[in-house]
N, C-alpha and C. Protein backbone atom coordinates (compact mmCIF):
# COMPACT_ATOMS: atom_id res chain seq x y z
N ARG A 1 -85.60 -24.95 -30.72
CA ARG A 1 -84.64 -25.25 -29.67
C ARG A 1 -85.18 -24.74 -28.34
N GLY A 2 -85.11 -25.59 -27.36
CA GLY A 2 -85.52 -25.19 -26.03
C GLY A 2 -84.40 -24.47 -25.29
N ARG A 3 -84.76 -23.78 -24.25
CA ARG A 3 -83.76 -23.10 -23.42
C ARG A 3 -83.17 -24.10 -22.45
N TYR A 4 -81.89 -24.04 -22.27
CA TYR A 4 -81.20 -24.91 -21.34
C TYR A 4 -80.32 -24.01 -20.50
N PRO A 5 -80.86 -23.49 -19.38
CA PRO A 5 -80.19 -22.43 -18.65
C PRO A 5 -78.82 -22.79 -18.07
N ASN A 6 -78.55 -24.05 -17.83
CA ASN A 6 -77.27 -24.43 -17.22
C ASN A 6 -76.27 -24.96 -18.24
N ARG A 7 -76.57 -24.74 -19.51
CA ARG A 7 -75.67 -25.21 -20.56
C ARG A 7 -74.34 -24.49 -20.44
N GLY A 8 -73.27 -25.19 -20.70
CA GLY A 8 -71.95 -24.58 -20.71
C GLY A 8 -71.15 -24.92 -19.46
N TYR A 9 -69.85 -24.83 -19.63
CA TYR A 9 -68.90 -25.13 -18.56
C TYR A 9 -68.65 -23.86 -17.77
N PRO A 10 -68.62 -23.86 -16.47
CA PRO A 10 -68.85 -24.96 -15.52
C PRO A 10 -70.28 -25.03 -15.00
N LYS A 11 -71.18 -24.19 -15.53
CA LYS A 11 -72.55 -24.17 -15.01
C LYS A 11 -73.26 -25.52 -15.09
N ILE A 12 -72.93 -26.31 -16.09
CA ILE A 12 -73.62 -27.58 -16.29
C ILE A 12 -73.45 -28.53 -15.11
N PHE A 13 -72.36 -28.39 -14.35
CA PHE A 13 -72.13 -29.26 -13.20
C PHE A 13 -73.19 -29.06 -12.12
N LYS A 14 -73.85 -27.93 -12.10
CA LYS A 14 -74.87 -27.63 -11.09
C LYS A 14 -76.28 -28.04 -11.53
N ASP A 15 -76.41 -28.53 -12.76
CA ASP A 15 -77.71 -28.91 -13.28
C ASP A 15 -78.22 -30.15 -12.56
N GLU A 16 -79.48 -30.12 -12.13
CA GLU A 16 -80.07 -31.25 -11.38
C GLU A 16 -80.16 -32.52 -12.23
N THR A 17 -80.42 -32.37 -13.50
CA THR A 17 -80.64 -33.54 -14.36
C THR A 17 -79.34 -34.19 -14.83
N VAL A 18 -78.41 -33.38 -15.33
CA VAL A 18 -77.21 -33.95 -15.95
C VAL A 18 -75.91 -33.57 -15.25
N GLY A 19 -75.98 -32.74 -14.22
CA GLY A 19 -74.78 -32.22 -13.58
C GLY A 19 -73.84 -33.26 -13.05
N GLU A 20 -74.38 -34.25 -12.34
CA GLU A 20 -73.52 -35.29 -11.75
C GLU A 20 -72.78 -36.07 -12.83
N GLU A 21 -73.50 -36.47 -13.86
CA GLU A 21 -72.88 -37.24 -14.94
C GLU A 21 -71.88 -36.39 -15.73
N ALA A 22 -72.20 -35.12 -15.94
CA ALA A 22 -71.28 -34.22 -16.63
C ALA A 22 -69.99 -34.07 -15.84
N LYS A 23 -70.08 -33.96 -14.54
CA LYS A 23 -68.90 -33.82 -13.69
C LYS A 23 -68.05 -35.09 -13.74
N LYS A 24 -68.70 -36.27 -13.72
CA LYS A 24 -67.95 -37.53 -13.83
C LYS A 24 -67.20 -37.60 -15.15
N LEU A 25 -67.87 -37.25 -16.23
CA LEU A 25 -67.25 -37.27 -17.55
C LEU A 25 -66.06 -36.31 -17.61
N PHE A 26 -66.25 -35.12 -17.07
CA PHE A 26 -65.18 -34.12 -17.03
C PHE A 26 -63.98 -34.65 -16.23
N ASP A 27 -64.22 -35.21 -15.05
CA ASP A 27 -63.14 -35.73 -14.22
C ASP A 27 -62.40 -36.87 -14.91
N ASP A 28 -63.15 -37.77 -15.57
CA ASP A 28 -62.51 -38.86 -16.31
C ASP A 28 -61.62 -38.32 -17.43
N ALA A 29 -62.10 -37.30 -18.14
CA ALA A 29 -61.31 -36.71 -19.22
C ALA A 29 -60.05 -36.06 -18.68
N GLN A 30 -60.15 -35.41 -17.53
CA GLN A 30 -58.97 -34.79 -16.93
C GLN A 30 -57.93 -35.84 -16.55
N LYS A 31 -58.39 -36.97 -16.01
CA LYS A 31 -57.46 -38.07 -15.67
C LYS A 31 -56.78 -38.60 -16.93
N MET A 32 -57.56 -38.76 -17.99
CA MET A 32 -57.01 -39.28 -19.24
C MET A 32 -55.95 -38.32 -19.81
N LEU A 33 -56.24 -37.03 -19.78
CA LEU A 33 -55.26 -36.04 -20.25
C LEU A 33 -53.99 -36.08 -19.42
N ALA A 34 -54.13 -36.23 -18.11
CA ALA A 34 -52.95 -36.32 -17.23
C ALA A 34 -52.12 -37.56 -17.56
N GLN A 35 -52.79 -38.69 -17.86
CA GLN A 35 -52.07 -39.91 -18.25
C GLN A 35 -51.31 -39.70 -19.55
N PHE A 36 -51.95 -39.08 -20.54
CA PHE A 36 -51.28 -38.82 -21.81
C PHE A 36 -50.02 -37.99 -21.58
N LYS A 37 -50.14 -36.99 -20.74
CA LYS A 37 -49.01 -36.11 -20.47
C LYS A 37 -47.90 -36.84 -19.72
N GLU A 38 -48.27 -37.60 -18.71
CA GLU A 38 -47.30 -38.31 -17.88
C GLU A 38 -46.56 -39.39 -18.66
N LYS A 39 -47.32 -40.20 -19.41
CA LYS A 39 -46.72 -41.33 -20.13
C LYS A 39 -46.25 -40.97 -21.53
N LYS A 40 -46.56 -39.75 -21.96
CA LYS A 40 -46.23 -39.30 -23.32
C LYS A 40 -46.74 -40.31 -24.35
N SER A 41 -47.97 -40.77 -24.13
CA SER A 41 -48.54 -41.81 -24.98
C SER A 41 -49.37 -41.26 -26.14
N LEU A 42 -49.47 -39.97 -26.23
CA LEU A 42 -50.23 -39.36 -27.32
C LEU A 42 -49.28 -38.51 -28.15
N LYS A 43 -49.17 -38.83 -29.42
CA LYS A 43 -48.27 -38.10 -30.29
C LYS A 43 -49.11 -37.37 -31.33
N MET A 44 -48.90 -36.08 -31.43
CA MET A 44 -49.63 -35.27 -32.39
C MET A 44 -48.82 -35.14 -33.67
N VAL A 45 -49.48 -35.34 -34.80
CA VAL A 45 -48.85 -35.21 -36.09
C VAL A 45 -49.82 -34.42 -36.97
N ALA A 46 -49.28 -33.53 -37.78
CA ALA A 46 -50.15 -32.73 -38.64
C ALA A 46 -49.52 -32.57 -40.02
N ILE A 47 -50.38 -32.36 -40.98
CA ILE A 47 -49.96 -32.04 -42.34
C ILE A 47 -50.75 -30.80 -42.75
N LEU A 48 -50.08 -29.86 -43.33
CA LEU A 48 -50.72 -28.62 -43.73
C LEU A 48 -50.75 -28.54 -45.24
N GLY A 49 -51.87 -28.13 -45.77
CA GLY A 49 -51.99 -27.93 -47.21
C GLY A 49 -52.98 -26.82 -47.48
N ILE A 50 -52.80 -26.15 -48.59
CA ILE A 50 -53.75 -25.12 -49.00
C ILE A 50 -54.38 -25.60 -50.30
N TYR A 51 -55.69 -25.72 -50.29
CA TYR A 51 -56.41 -26.29 -51.42
C TYR A 51 -57.54 -25.36 -51.85
N PRO A 52 -57.91 -25.43 -53.12
CA PRO A 52 -59.06 -24.64 -53.56
C PRO A 52 -60.33 -25.19 -52.90
N ALA A 53 -61.13 -24.28 -52.35
CA ALA A 53 -62.34 -24.71 -51.63
C ALA A 53 -63.39 -23.61 -51.67
N ASN A 54 -64.62 -24.02 -51.49
CA ASN A 54 -65.75 -23.11 -51.36
C ASN A 54 -66.69 -23.63 -50.29
N SER A 55 -67.46 -22.73 -49.73
CA SER A 55 -68.49 -23.19 -48.80
C SER A 55 -69.79 -23.38 -49.57
N GLN A 56 -70.57 -24.33 -49.07
CA GLN A 56 -71.90 -24.56 -49.62
C GLN A 56 -72.79 -24.82 -48.41
N GLY A 57 -73.50 -23.79 -47.97
CA GLY A 57 -74.27 -23.89 -46.74
C GLY A 57 -73.32 -24.06 -45.57
N ASP A 58 -73.51 -25.11 -44.78
CA ASP A 58 -72.64 -25.38 -43.64
C ASP A 58 -71.44 -26.24 -44.00
N ASP A 59 -71.34 -26.66 -45.26
CA ASP A 59 -70.30 -27.59 -45.68
C ASP A 59 -69.17 -26.88 -46.42
N ILE A 60 -68.00 -27.53 -46.43
CA ILE A 60 -66.83 -27.02 -47.15
C ILE A 60 -66.50 -28.02 -48.26
N LEU A 61 -66.50 -27.55 -49.50
CA LEU A 61 -66.18 -28.38 -50.66
C LEU A 61 -64.72 -28.14 -51.04
N VAL A 62 -63.94 -29.20 -51.18
CA VAL A 62 -62.53 -29.11 -51.58
C VAL A 62 -62.43 -29.66 -53.00
N TYR A 63 -61.75 -28.90 -53.86
CA TYR A 63 -61.68 -29.25 -55.28
C TYR A 63 -60.33 -29.87 -55.65
N LYS A 64 -60.35 -30.61 -56.76
CA LYS A 64 -59.15 -31.27 -57.27
C LYS A 64 -58.08 -30.26 -57.68
N ASP A 65 -58.51 -29.18 -58.32
CA ASP A 65 -57.56 -28.17 -58.79
C ASP A 65 -58.26 -26.82 -58.87
N GLU A 66 -57.54 -25.83 -59.37
CA GLU A 66 -58.07 -24.46 -59.43
C GLU A 66 -59.24 -24.32 -60.40
N GLU A 67 -59.45 -25.29 -61.28
CA GLU A 67 -60.59 -25.24 -62.20
C GLU A 67 -61.92 -25.38 -61.44
N ARG A 68 -61.86 -26.00 -60.27
CA ARG A 68 -63.02 -26.17 -59.39
C ARG A 68 -64.20 -26.87 -60.09
N GLN A 69 -63.86 -27.86 -60.88
CA GLN A 69 -64.89 -28.64 -61.56
C GLN A 69 -65.21 -29.94 -60.82
N GLU A 70 -64.20 -30.51 -60.12
CA GLU A 70 -64.35 -31.80 -59.46
C GLU A 70 -64.12 -31.68 -57.95
N VAL A 71 -65.17 -31.99 -57.18
CA VAL A 71 -65.05 -31.98 -55.72
C VAL A 71 -64.41 -33.29 -55.28
N THR A 72 -63.31 -33.19 -54.52
CA THR A 72 -62.65 -34.40 -54.05
C THR A 72 -63.03 -34.75 -52.61
N HIS A 73 -63.36 -33.74 -51.83
CA HIS A 73 -63.72 -33.97 -50.43
C HIS A 73 -64.79 -32.97 -49.99
N THR A 74 -65.61 -33.40 -49.06
CA THR A 74 -66.59 -32.50 -48.44
C THR A 74 -66.42 -32.61 -46.94
N PHE A 75 -66.24 -31.48 -46.29
CA PHE A 75 -66.18 -31.42 -44.84
C PHE A 75 -67.52 -30.89 -44.34
N TYR A 76 -68.20 -31.69 -43.55
CA TYR A 76 -69.50 -31.31 -43.01
C TYR A 76 -69.27 -30.62 -41.67
N THR A 77 -69.68 -29.37 -41.57
CA THR A 77 -69.47 -28.62 -40.33
C THR A 77 -70.80 -28.35 -39.65
N LEU A 78 -70.72 -28.01 -38.39
CA LEU A 78 -71.92 -27.69 -37.60
C LEU A 78 -71.90 -26.22 -37.21
N ARG A 79 -73.07 -25.67 -37.08
CA ARG A 79 -73.19 -24.32 -36.54
C ARG A 79 -73.00 -24.39 -35.03
N GLN A 80 -72.64 -23.27 -34.43
CA GLN A 80 -72.51 -23.20 -32.98
C GLN A 80 -73.81 -23.68 -32.34
N GLN A 81 -73.68 -24.41 -31.25
CA GLN A 81 -74.85 -24.98 -30.59
C GLN A 81 -75.23 -24.24 -29.31
N ALA A 82 -74.31 -23.45 -28.78
CA ALA A 82 -74.56 -22.78 -27.50
C ALA A 82 -75.66 -21.73 -27.65
N GLU A 83 -76.50 -21.64 -26.65
CA GLU A 83 -77.54 -20.62 -26.64
C GLU A 83 -76.88 -19.25 -26.52
N LYS A 84 -77.44 -18.27 -27.20
CA LYS A 84 -76.91 -16.92 -27.13
C LYS A 84 -77.98 -15.99 -26.58
N ASP A 85 -77.53 -15.01 -25.82
CA ASP A 85 -78.45 -14.03 -25.25
C ASP A 85 -78.55 -12.78 -26.10
N ASN A 86 -77.90 -12.79 -27.26
CA ASN A 86 -77.95 -11.62 -28.14
C ASN A 86 -78.28 -12.08 -29.55
N SER A 87 -78.19 -11.17 -30.51
CA SER A 87 -78.57 -11.50 -31.88
C SER A 87 -77.38 -11.89 -32.75
N ASP A 88 -76.22 -12.18 -32.14
CA ASP A 88 -75.06 -12.60 -32.92
C ASP A 88 -75.41 -13.88 -33.68
N PRO A 89 -74.88 -14.02 -34.91
CA PRO A 89 -75.20 -15.22 -35.69
C PRO A 89 -74.53 -16.47 -35.12
N TYR A 90 -75.12 -17.62 -35.38
CA TYR A 90 -74.51 -18.91 -35.05
C TYR A 90 -73.54 -19.22 -36.17
N MET A 91 -72.24 -19.34 -35.84
CA MET A 91 -71.21 -19.50 -36.84
C MET A 91 -70.86 -20.98 -37.09
N ALA A 92 -70.35 -21.24 -38.30
CA ALA A 92 -69.82 -22.55 -38.67
C ALA A 92 -68.47 -22.30 -39.36
N LEU A 93 -67.60 -23.30 -39.38
CA LEU A 93 -66.31 -23.14 -40.06
C LEU A 93 -66.49 -22.74 -41.51
N SER A 94 -67.57 -23.21 -42.13
CA SER A 94 -67.80 -22.88 -43.54
C SER A 94 -68.03 -21.39 -43.76
N ASP A 95 -68.39 -20.65 -42.73
CA ASP A 95 -68.59 -19.21 -42.87
C ASP A 95 -67.29 -18.47 -43.16
N PHE A 96 -66.16 -19.13 -42.96
CA PHE A 96 -64.86 -18.50 -43.16
C PHE A 96 -64.20 -18.91 -44.47
N ILE A 97 -64.97 -19.61 -45.33
CA ILE A 97 -64.49 -20.05 -46.64
C ILE A 97 -65.30 -19.31 -47.69
N ALA A 98 -64.63 -18.85 -48.72
CA ALA A 98 -65.32 -18.07 -49.78
C ALA A 98 -66.40 -18.87 -50.45
């Protein structure tokens, strides 16, 4: 991985290569969020469940039942992408699953 010194918000807006385009994208997203709020055109719905699961590398395996013999779903997760200036590990959601 190469170093990208202006990575991250809001520093990326000052980057000579991608700053202008990043700022346009950010402004467009802000307008879209304002429209959702004004028109109430975005409805959030959620379902909560607790299922038997294990991590396997960066992935989360969800099982049919507590026997954990049959995997019904796999969630593919990513490790953190931001550059770090210290030795903290790059985390993924799977790191929080047994």
